[in-house]
Amino acid sequence: MFASHSLRSICKPPGHVKCPGGFAWVAVLWAVAFSCAASTPLNLAFSFPPEGPPAVVERSAEKLIQKSVQNKLPINLSEKAFNLSLTKPDSDLVVMSLHDLAEKVPALQVLELPFFYDGLTDIHKKMDGELGERLRGTALKNGWVILEWWDEGMQAMTGNRRYDRRINLSGMEFILLRDDPMAQLQYTALNAWSRRAYPQSSQQLLHECVVGSRSATVSQIWSERLDRVHLSLSLNRHRYEGHVLVAPLSRWKALPEAVRVKLKETAASMRAWQRSEALKLEQAALAELKKSGMDVYKLAAEQRKDFVKSLPSWAALLPASLSSEEKASLLAVAK
């Protein structure tokens, strides 16, 4: 993602609807919810760059508020972005990228390991099982209550070479739009380069990508309109990209127990819908990219093994702030 509102307003993923006035539906839903319940509305804030959250996050937040109306648990969407650096949190609930929370809770980076998981089904199984519980517990110790994992998708690679073949990454440059040490290690191991860029507009990003390649979800690739400068899309599905619905622990503790229980139930009740919605957006974006003329490649099993053989150990890809014992324990649960 990059700092430009123009891309969000002009180059939206298929099916993305931007409500006039920015989340106008929130006011309506909040009014209905408030009339149904005497409780003070909870605050929900986003923690994303100025261009705003991805379409799937907007839709998921809308669904959450709809569910909260049904459960007589009013949620008010804050117009102000959540400030992660605040000592005293200013919102009851926050939606942020998994990557951003992983900077605060390094153990979460186990979910971002490249070529580690066998697609979304595998990721979901781990999130819904022992690994997910383990990571929730670790986040809690670091001051965050994870209520739900929200999908965006699995990353693909796009450029002017087909990246379903490891050797084709050799000597190529990949543009990073966030600080991402794990990605840097991955590209170095694959004999490629990576560069952190700060484009201020959609056109600047496209200019960067005339030569540079990208790794992102299919929805993000379509949102960035990389089909205008890239020939190939390789569905390597090598790295998970997701978001989290969380509560700062200090705010969570201040809520009545009945509200906390209802919040957990409400968040969990939309899990299947959220995952289906994310997949639907990815499929729609893929159809548009194909229609635009991009060559699309899938990663064969043998090629996937070739990528994995070229990477450092899984432990080496995890942050240095984790001890060897912590890394080994996490990987044992994640496998």
Protein backbone atom coordinates (compact mmCIF):
# COMPACT_ATOMS: atom_id res chain seq x y z
CA MET A 1 0.00 0.00 0.00
CA PHE A 2 1.14 3.57 -0.51
CA ALA A 3 0.21 7.08 0.45
CA SER A 4 -2.31 8.03 -2.21
CA HIS A 5 -6.04 8.35 -1.97
CA SER A 6 -6.35 8.44 -5.76
CA LEU A 7 -5.70 4.73 -6.16
CA ARG A 8 -8.39 3.83 -3.64
CA SER A 9 -10.94 6.10 -5.32
CA ILE A 10 -10.09 5.30 -8.96
CA CYS A 11 -8.49 1.86 -9.17
CA LYS A 12 -10.65 -0.21 -6.86
CA PRO A 13 -10.80 -4.00 -6.86
CA PRO A 14 -13.86 -5.36 -8.69
CA GLY A 15 -17.07 -5.11 -6.74
CA HIS A 16 -15.64 -2.52 -4.37
CA VAL A 17 -18.23 0.08 -3.46
CA LYS A 18 -17.17 3.27 -1.76
CA CYS A 19 -20.07 4.74 0.16
CA PRO A 20 -20.59 8.49 -0.38
CA GLY A 21 -19.35 10.48 2.56
CA GLY A 22 -17.05 7.70 3.72
CA PHE A 23 -18.78 4.95 5.69
CA ALA A 24 -22.14 6.71 5.66
CA TRP A 25 -23.70 3.37 6.50
CA VAL A 26 -22.02 3.47 9.91
CA ALA A 27 -24.17 6.35 11.09
CA VAL A 28 -27.35 4.56 10.04
CA LEU A 29 -26.36 1.27 11.65
CA TRP A 30 -25.19 3.01 14.80
CA ALA A 31 -28.50 4.87 15.09
CA VAL A 32 -30.45 1.62 14.76
CA ALA A 33 -28.17 -0.12 17.23
CA PHE A 34 -28.40 2.69 19.73
CA SER A 35 -32.17 2.59 19.59
CA CYS A 36 -32.05 -1.15 20.36
CA ALA A 37 -29.69 -0.98 23.29
CA ALA A 38 -29.05 1.38 26.13
CA SER A 39 -25.36 0.51 26.38
CA THR A 40 -22.72 3.02 25.33
CA PRO A 41 -21.47 2.23 21.81
CA LEU A 42 -18.03 0.69 21.55
CA ASN A 43 -15.46 2.45 19.40
CA LEU A 44 -13.87 0.70 16.40
CA ALA A 45 -10.86 2.31 14.73
CA PHE A 46 -8.67 1.43 11.76
CA SER A 47 -4.89 1.50 11.82
CA PHE A 48 -3.91 1.86 8.16
CA PRO A 49 -2.04 4.34 5.92
CA PRO A 50 -3.84 7.50 4.72
CA GLU A 51 -5.33 5.79 1.65
CA GLY A 52 -7.37 3.63 4.00
CA PRO A 53 -7.92 -0.09 4.49
CA PRO A 54 -8.29 -2.68 1.71
CA ALA A 55 -11.79 -3.31 0.36
CA VAL A 56 -12.07 -6.61 2.22
CA VAL A 57 -11.41 -4.85 5.54
CA GLU A 58 -14.04 -2.22 4.82
CA ARG A 59 -16.58 -4.92 3.99
CA SER A 60 -15.63 -6.96 7.04
CA ALA A 61 -16.01 -3.93 9.31
CA GLU A 62 -19.41 -3.23 7.79
CA LYS A 63 -20.44 -6.83 8.44
CA LEU A 64 -19.21 -6.63 12.03
CA ILE A 65 -21.31 -3.54 12.66
CA GLN A 66 -24.33 -5.20 11.06
CA LYS A 67 -23.84 -8.22 13.32
CA SER A 68 -23.48 -5.95 16.33
CA VAL A 69 -26.85 -4.36 15.51
CA GLN A 70 -28.46 -7.79 15.49
CA ASN A 71 -26.82 -8.61 18.82
CA LYS A 72 -27.76 -5.26 20.36
CA LEU A 73 -24.10 -4.43 20.85
CA PRO A 74 -23.67 -1.02 19.18
CA ILE A 75 -20.29 -0.30 17.60
CA ASN A 76 -19.34 3.16 16.41
CA LEU A 77 -16.67 3.47 13.70
CA SER A 78 -14.21 6.19 14.61
CA GLU A 79 -13.37 8.79 11.97
CA LYS A 80 -9.90 9.07 13.47
CA ALA A 81 -7.23 6.48 12.71
CA PHE A 82 -5.90 4.49 15.65
CA ASN A 83 -2.49 5.65 16.84
CA LEU A 84 -0.32 2.62 17.63
CA SER A 85 2.22 4.76 19.45
CA LEU A 86 -0.22 5.98 22.08
CA THR A 87 0.52 4.84 25.62
CA LYS A 88 -3.18 5.03 26.43
CA PRO A 89 -5.30 3.42 23.65
CA ASP A 90 -8.15 5.62 22.40
CA SER A 91 -10.41 2.89 20.97
CA ASP A 92 -12.10 -0.26 22.29
CA LEU A 93 -11.56 -2.20 19.06
CA VAL A 94 -8.95 -1.87 16.33
CA VAL A 95 -8.49 -3.40 12.89
CA MET A 96 -4.91 -3.47 11.63
CA SER A 97 -2.78 -5.57 9.35
CA LEU A 98 -1.31 -8.75 10.75
CA HIS A 99 2.07 -7.39 9.67
CA ASP A 100 1.68 -4.28 11.83
CA LEU A 101 0.60 -6.23 14.91
CA ALA A 102 3.50 -8.64 14.33
CA GLU A 103 5.86 -5.71 14.83
CA LYS A 104 4.43 -5.44 18.35
CA VAL A 105 4.08 -9.21 18.85
CA PRO A 106 7.00 -10.85 16.95
CA ALA A 107 5.69 -14.40 17.38
CA LEU A 108 2.89 -13.56 14.93
CA GLN A 109 5.47 -13.47 12.14
CA VAL A 110 5.26 -17.26 12.06
CA LEU A 111 2.05 -16.72 10.05
CA GLU A 112 3.99 -14.72 7.44
CA LEU A 113 6.65 -17.32 6.63
CA PRO A 114 7.07 -17.64 2.84
CA PHE A 115 6.42 -21.02 1.21
CA PHE A 116 5.70 -22.52 4.64
CA TYR A 117 1.94 -23.10 4.50
CA ASP A 118 0.05 -25.07 1.90
CA GLY A 119 -2.44 -22.36 1.00
CA LEU A 120 -5.35 -20.78 2.83
CA THR A 121 -6.90 -24.06 3.95
CA ASP A 122 -3.72 -24.92 5.83
CA ILE A 123 -3.47 -21.41 7.30
CA HIS A 124 -7.08 -21.55 8.51
CA LYS A 125 -6.56 -24.95 10.10
CA LYS A 126 -3.56 -23.62 12.04
CA MET A 127 -5.28 -20.36 13.03
CA ASP A 128 -8.34 -22.22 14.28
CA GLY A 129 -6.25 -24.74 16.18
CA GLU A 130 -3.35 -24.90 18.60
CA LEU A 131 -1.19 -22.35 16.78
CA GLY A 132 -3.96 -19.76 16.82
CA GLU A 133 -4.53 -20.25 20.55
CA ARG A 134 -0.82 -20.03 21.20
CA LEU A 135 -0.53 -16.76 19.28
CA ARG A 136 -3.60 -15.30 20.98
CA GLY A 137 -2.00 -16.07 24.33
CA THR A 138 1.27 -14.44 23.30
CA ALA A 139 -0.56 -11.35 22.04
CA LEU A 140 -2.46 -11.14 25.33
CA LYS A 141 0.83 -11.08 27.24
CA ASN A 142 1.85 -8.17 25.03
CA GLY A 143 -1.31 -6.19 25.70
CA TRP A 144 -3.56 -7.23 22.80
CA VAL A 145 -6.71 -9.36 22.71
CA ILE A 146 -7.07 -10.98 19.28
CA LEU A 147 -10.78 -11.41 18.60
CA GLU A 148 -10.54 -12.63 15.02
CA TRP A 149 -8.21 -13.16 12.09
CA TRP A 150 -9.41 -11.54 8.85
CA ASP A 151 -8.17 -12.82 5.50
CA GLU A 152 -6.98 -10.78 2.59
CA GLY A 153 -5.31 -13.59 0.65
CA MET A 154 -2.05 -15.26 -0.32
CA GLN A 155 0.64 -13.24 -2.07
CA ALA A 156 1.37 -13.63 -5.77
CA MET A 157 4.36 -12.26 -7.69
CA THR A 158 4.05 -9.91 -10.62
CA GLY A 159 6.59 -8.50 -13.06
CA ASN A 160 7.90 -8.89 -16.58
CA ARG A 161 9.17 -12.39 -15.94
CA ARG A 162 7.21 -15.44 -14.88
CA TYR A 163 8.04 -16.00 -11.24
CA ASP A 164 6.67 -19.51 -10.92
CA ARG A 165 10.28 -20.47 -11.67
CA ARG A 166 12.82 -19.64 -8.98
CA ILE A 167 15.67 -18.99 -11.40
CA ASN A 168 13.72 -16.13 -12.98
CA LEU A 169 13.97 -14.10 -9.77
CA SER A 170 17.74 -13.96 -10.11
CA GLY A 171 18.92 -10.36 -10.42
CA MET A 172 15.40 -8.91 -10.30
CA GLU A 173 14.32 -6.07 -8.02
CA PHE A 174 11.16 -6.23 -5.90
CA ILE A 175 9.52 -3.07 -4.59
CA LEU A 176 8.52 -3.11 -0.90
CA LEU A 177 5.88 -0.68 0.33
CA ARG A 178 6.49 -1.41 4.02
CA ASP A 179 9.37 -2.30 6.30
CA ASP A 180 9.65 -6.06 5.89
CA PRO A 181 12.89 -7.77 7.04
CA MET A 182 11.47 -11.23 6.31
CA ALA A 183 10.80 -10.32 2.68
CA GLN A 184 14.31 -8.87 2.38
CA LEU A 185 15.81 -12.14 3.63
CA GLN A 186 13.62 -14.10 1.24
CA TYR A 187 14.67 -12.11 -1.83
CA THR A 188 18.34 -12.17 -0.90
CA ALA A 189 18.19 -15.96 -0.59
CA LEU A 190 16.53 -16.15 -4.01
CA ASN A 191 19.32 -14.02 -5.52
CA ALA A 192 16.95 -11.09 -6.03
CA TRP A 193 17.00 -7.51 -4.76
CA SER A 194 14.45 -5.63 -2.69
CA ARG A 195 14.02 -1.91 -2.22
CA ARG A 196 11.78 0.04 0.15
CA ALA A 197 9.89 2.69 -1.81
CA TYR A 198 7.63 5.55 -0.72
CA PRO A 199 5.51 6.46 -3.77
CA GLN A 200 3.18 9.38 -3.23
CA SER A 201 0.72 8.53 -5.99
CA SER A 202 -0.50 5.66 -8.11
CA GLN A 203 1.52 6.97 -11.04
CA GLN A 204 4.70 7.06 -8.97
CA LEU A 205 4.16 3.46 -7.95
CA LEU A 206 3.62 2.39 -11.55
CA HIS A 207 6.79 4.27 -12.51
CA GLU A 208 8.70 2.33 -9.83
CA CYS A 209 7.27 -0.93 -11.17
CA VAL A 210 8.19 -0.37 -14.81
CA VAL A 211 11.44 -2.08 -13.82
CA GLY A 212 10.64 -3.29 -10.31
CA SER A 213 8.47 -6.31 -9.50
CA ARG A 214 5.92 -6.76 -6.72
CA SER A 215 4.67 -9.42 -4.34
CA ALA A 216 1.16 -8.82 -3.00
CA THR A 217 -2.31 -10.31 -2.91
CA VAL A 218 -4.16 -10.52 -6.21
CA SER A 219 -6.64 -7.91 -4.96
CA GLN A 220 -3.81 -5.52 -4.15
CA ILE A 221 -2.13 -6.13 -7.51
CA TRP A 222 -5.40 -5.22 -9.23
CA SER A 223 -5.88 -2.22 -6.92
CA GLU A 224 -2.42 -0.98 -7.89
CA ARG A 225 -3.21 -1.66 -11.57
CA LEU A 226 0.11 -3.38 -12.09
CA ASP A 227 -1.34 -4.95 -15.23
CA ARG A 228 -0.49 -1.62 -16.88
CA VAL A 229 3.25 -2.18 -16.49
CA HIS A 230 3.68 -5.92 -15.89
CA LEU A 231 3.22 -8.83 -18.26
CA SER A 232 3.09 -11.78 -15.87
CA LEU A 233 1.24 -12.79 -12.73
CA SER A 234 2.57 -15.85 -10.91
CA LEU A 235 0.15 -17.40 -8.42
CA ASN A 236 2.87 -18.64 -6.08
CA ARG A 237 0.53 -18.23 -3.07
CA HIS A 238 3.65 -18.22 -0.97
CA ARG A 239 2.90 -15.83 1.89
CA TYR A 240 -0.21 -15.06 3.92
CA GLU A 241 -1.58 -11.53 4.00
CA GLY A 242 -4.23 -10.83 6.60
CA HIS A 243 -5.61 -8.47 9.21
CA VAL A 244 -6.66 -8.73 12.83
CA LEU A 245 -9.60 -7.50 14.85
CA VAL A 246 -8.10 -6.73 18.24
CA ALA A 247 -8.82 -4.96 21.50
CA PRO A 248 -6.15 -3.17 23.54
CA LEU A 249 -5.99 -5.12 26.79
CA SER A 250 -6.50 -2.05 28.99
CA ARG A 251 -9.74 -1.20 27.17
CA TRP A 252 -10.81 -4.86 27.12
CA LYS A 253 -10.49 -5.18 30.89
CA ALA A 254 -12.72 -2.13 31.35
CA LEU A 255 -15.61 -3.76 29.48
CA PRO A 256 -18.29 -5.73 31.38
CA GLU A 257 -17.91 -9.50 31.11
CA ALA A 258 -21.23 -9.82 29.29
CA VAL A 259 -20.05 -7.37 26.63
CA ARG A 260 -16.76 -9.23 26.19
CA VAL A 261 -18.58 -12.54 25.72
CA LYS A 262 -20.96 -11.01 23.18
CA LEU A 263 -18.07 -9.39 21.30
CA LYS A 264 -16.25 -12.71 20.99
CA GLU A 265 -19.41 -14.43 19.79
CA THR A 266 -20.14 -11.68 17.27
CA ALA A 267 -16.62 -11.72 15.84
CA ALA A 268 -16.54 -15.51 15.58
CA SER A 269 -19.97 -15.70 13.96
CA MET A 270 -18.74 -13.93 10.81
CA ARG A 271 -15.61 -16.05 10.29
CA ALA A 272 -16.93 -18.19 7.44
CA TRP A 273 -18.46 -15.16 5.73
CA GLN A 274 -15.26 -13.12 6.01
CA ARG A 275 -13.09 -15.84 4.51
CA SER A 276 -15.56 -16.38 1.70
CA GLU A 277 -15.74 -12.65 1.00
CA ALA A 278 -11.95 -12.33 0.82
CA LEU A 279 -11.76 -15.25 -1.59
CA LYS A 280 -14.53 -13.76 -3.72
CA LEU A 281 -12.65 -10.47 -4.02
CA GLU A 282 -9.44 -12.29 -4.94
CA GLN A 283 -11.22 -14.30 -7.63
CA ALA A 284 -12.87 -11.20 -9.06
CA ALA A 285 -9.52 -9.38 -9.14
CA LEU A 286 -7.88 -12.35 -10.87
CA ALA A 287 -10.60 -12.34 -13.53
CA GLU A 288 -9.97 -8.65 -14.20
CA LEU A 289 -6.21 -9.14 -14.45
CA LYS A 290 -6.70 -11.99 -16.91
CA LYS A 291 -9.11 -9.86 -18.90
CA SER A 292 -6.51 -7.08 -19.06
CA GLY A 293 -4.16 -9.47 -20.86
CA MET A 294 -1.76 -10.55 -18.12
CA ASP A 295 -0.19 -13.99 -18.48
CA VAL A 296 -1.09 -16.04 -15.39
CA TYR A 297 1.05 -18.91 -14.10
CA LYS A 298 0.53 -21.40 -11.29
CA LEU A 299 3.31 -22.81 -9.14
CA ALA A 300 3.98 -26.51 -9.73
CA ALA A 301 4.88 -28.76 -6.79
CA GLU A 302 8.46 -29.27 -8.01
CA GLN A 303 8.98 -25.55 -8.46
CA ARG A 304 7.67 -24.91 -4.96
CA LYS A 305 10.25 -27.35 -3.59
CA ASP A 306 12.92 -25.48 -5.53
CA PHE A 307 11.93 -22.22 -3.84
CA VAL A 308 11.95 -23.82 -0.38
CA LYS A 309 15.40 -25.35 -0.91
CA SER A 310 16.80 -21.90 -1.71
CA LEU A 311 15.45 -20.22 1.42
CA PRO A 312 17.23 -19.91 4.77
CA SER A 313 15.95 -22.09 7.60
CA TRP A 314 12.52 -21.17 8.90
CA ALA A 315 14.09 -20.16 12.20
CA ALA A 316 16.45 -17.77 10.41
CA LEU A 317 13.48 -16.04 8.77
CA LEU A 318 11.80 -15.38 12.12
CA PRO A 319 12.79 -12.19 13.98
CA ALA A 320 15.98 -12.13 16.01
CA SER A 321 14.01 -10.85 19.01
CA LEU A 322 12.68 -14.39 19.47
CA SER A 323 14.96 -16.86 21.26
CA SER A 324 16.01 -20.12 19.63
CA GLU A 325 13.72 -21.98 22.01
CA GLU A 326 10.75 -19.73 21.16
CA LYS A 327 11.35 -20.20 17.43
CA ALA A 328 11.62 -23.98 17.73
CA SER A 329 8.46 -24.16 19.81
CA LEU A 330 6.48 -21.98 17.39
CA LEU A 331 7.62 -23.92 14.34
CA ALA A 332 6.77 -27.23 15.98
CA VAL A 333 3.19 -26.08 16.52
CA ALA A 334 2.93 -24.45 13.08
CA LYS A 335 4.04 -27.51 11.09
